[in-house]
Structures are given as structure tokens and as C-alpha cells.
Amino acid sequence: MGNPKLRPVDKSDSDSRGPSINPANGVLAYIPGDYVHVARQTLGPADSDNRTHAEVVIEAGNFGTVRIFFERKLSRHHKSYYHYWMAYRAEPVTPDTAHADADHA
């Protein structure tokens, strides 16, 4: 009974682990948005590109070299629409994956 907002909260284990990360996104949550933005800018406009997926390998400061995966999305508002690139995964580039084909999608 009573107001649940007034109940003491145990934060002993929730704050110590950091943000909850979806494994499907790789290390994307740790890459600062400035680096993701620079990678997206190298792709060019999504409206004139027919690819549905793209990859960009960039140097991300303290994180080293990372490969960021993008997906082409469609945004609609009434009769208007436009395409844009959205990052959905990032992974560190190791010597094993350094020479992977960038356009395998």
C-alpha cells in the first residue's frame, strides 16, 4: 500500500553495470555520435542511393578502428517522404576483419 514512488529503491547492482546494451548492436552504444555522424556523411544522400545497407570503416578516436553498419530507411509525413541512413550496428575492426568486403550486402 502507499505511494510506490516513496518506496526505497535498491540501486546496488543496476548502476554499477552501466547502460544495458543490446548484443545485436555490437559496440554502437559506446561510439560517440560525432563519429557516427562523420561516417554517415561519407555515404552521401540516401535518396539517390539504391542500396538498402552500407558499411563504413572509420577511426573512432580512443575506440580505434570501427566498422559501422547503416540501413536505408524511409520517413513519411503526409504526402512527403525522404530516405535517410540509420546506424544499426558497430564492431571493432581487428586484423582478421580488416580486409572484409565492404559491399557484401
Protein backbone atom coordinates (compact mmCIF):
# COMPACT_ATOMS: atom_id res chain seq x y z
CA MET A 1 0.00 0.00 0.00
CA GLY A 2 1.02 3.59 -0.27
CA ASN A 3 2.84 5.51 -2.94
CA PRO A 4 5.38 3.28 -4.75
CA LYS A 5 7.44 6.34 -5.66
CA LEU A 6 8.25 6.83 -1.97
CA ARG A 7 9.49 3.27 -1.55
CA PRO A 8 13.29 2.94 -1.14
CA VAL A 9 14.99 1.75 -4.32
CA ASP A 10 17.89 -0.69 -4.32
CA LYS A 11 20.40 0.64 -6.87
CA SER A 12 23.27 -1.57 -5.79
CA ASP A 13 23.50 -3.62 -8.97
CA SER A 14 21.71 -1.52 -11.61
CA ASP A 15 24.08 1.48 -11.70
CA SER A 16 27.32 -0.47 -11.38
CA ARG A 17 26.94 -2.31 -14.69
CA GLY A 18 26.47 0.77 -16.88
CA PRO A 19 23.93 1.02 -19.67
CA SER A 20 22.15 -2.11 -20.81
CA ILE A 21 23.48 -2.99 -24.24
CA ASN A 22 21.71 -4.98 -26.94
CA PRO A 23 24.24 -7.54 -28.25
CA ALA A 24 22.80 -7.21 -31.77
CA ASN A 25 24.08 -3.61 -31.88
CA GLY A 26 27.68 -4.55 -31.10
CA VAL A 27 29.64 -1.59 -29.70
CA LEU A 28 27.42 1.08 -31.28
CA ALA A 29 26.27 2.35 -27.87
CA TYR A 30 29.86 3.15 -26.93
CA ILE A 31 30.76 5.08 -30.11
CA PRO A 32 30.20 8.85 -29.70
CA GLY A 33 27.61 10.34 -32.03
CA ASP A 34 30.17 12.63 -33.64
CA TYR A 35 31.96 9.63 -35.16
CA VAL A 36 28.69 8.06 -36.32
CA HIS A 37 27.76 11.37 -37.95
CA VAL A 38 31.09 11.59 -39.80
CA ALA A 39 30.63 8.01 -41.02
CA ARG A 40 27.10 8.76 -42.22
CA GLN A 41 28.29 11.85 -44.09
CA THR A 42 30.67 9.70 -46.16
CA LEU A 43 27.71 7.73 -47.55
CA GLY A 44 26.13 10.67 -49.31
CA PRO A 45 22.39 11.26 -49.71
CA ALA A 46 20.21 8.19 -49.24
CA ASP A 47 17.64 9.45 -51.75
CA SER A 48 19.97 8.92 -54.69
CA ASP A 49 21.38 5.59 -53.48
CA ASN A 50 19.69 2.27 -54.32
CA ARG A 51 21.49 0.22 -51.64
CA THR A 52 19.50 -0.88 -48.60
CA HIS A 53 22.57 -1.48 -46.41
CA ALA A 54 26.03 0.07 -46.28
CA GLU A 55 29.20 -0.14 -44.18
CA VAL A 56 31.78 2.48 -43.30
CA VAL A 57 35.14 1.89 -41.61
CA ILE A 58 36.37 4.88 -39.62
CA GLU A 59 38.95 5.75 -36.98
CA ALA A 60 36.90 6.48 -33.85
CA GLY A 61 39.45 8.10 -31.53
CA ASN A 62 40.02 6.08 -28.35
CA PHE A 63 37.87 3.24 -29.67
CA GLY A 64 40.25 2.52 -32.53
CA THR A 65 39.06 1.50 -35.97
CA VAL A 66 35.40 0.50 -36.12
CA ARG A 67 33.04 -0.65 -38.85
CA ILE A 68 29.61 0.99 -38.66
CA PHE A 69 26.69 -0.62 -40.45
CA PHE A 70 23.90 1.55 -41.85
CA GLU A 71 20.41 0.77 -43.11
CA ARG A 72 18.45 2.92 -45.56
CA LYS A 73 15.11 3.97 -44.04
CA LEU A 74 12.06 5.77 -45.36
CA SER A 75 10.35 8.61 -43.50
CA ARG A 76 6.85 9.72 -44.48
CA HIS A 77 4.82 12.72 -43.44
CA HIS A 78 1.52 13.17 -45.26
CA LYS A 79 2.39 13.27 -48.99
CA SER A 80 6.10 13.89 -48.46
CA TYR A 81 8.76 11.26 -47.94
CA TYR A 82 12.52 11.01 -47.86
CA HIS A 83 15.18 8.37 -47.33
CA TYR A 84 17.88 8.54 -44.68
CA TRP A 85 20.71 6.41 -43.30
CA MET A 86 20.41 4.95 -39.79
CA ALA A 87 23.27 3.23 -37.96
CA TYR A 88 22.22 -0.12 -36.53
CA ARG A 89 25.48 -1.87 -35.59
CA ALA A 90 29.15 -1.19 -34.97
CA GLU A 91 32.01 -3.58 -34.42
CA PRO A 92 35.72 -3.11 -33.81
CA VAL A 93 37.95 -3.85 -36.78
CA THR A 94 40.54 -6.48 -35.98
CA PRO A 95 43.34 -7.70 -38.28
CA ASP A 96 41.09 -10.69 -39.13
CA THR A 97 38.23 -8.47 -40.33
CA ALA A 98 40.28 -5.58 -41.72
CA HIS A 99 40.11 -6.84 -45.31
CA ALA A 100 36.47 -7.93 -45.30
CA ASP A 101 34.43 -6.96 -48.33
CA ALA A 102 32.74 -3.63 -47.56
CA ASP A 103 29.86 -4.16 -50.00
CA HIS A 104 28.79 -7.68 -49.13
CA ALA A 105 25.19 -6.60 -48.51
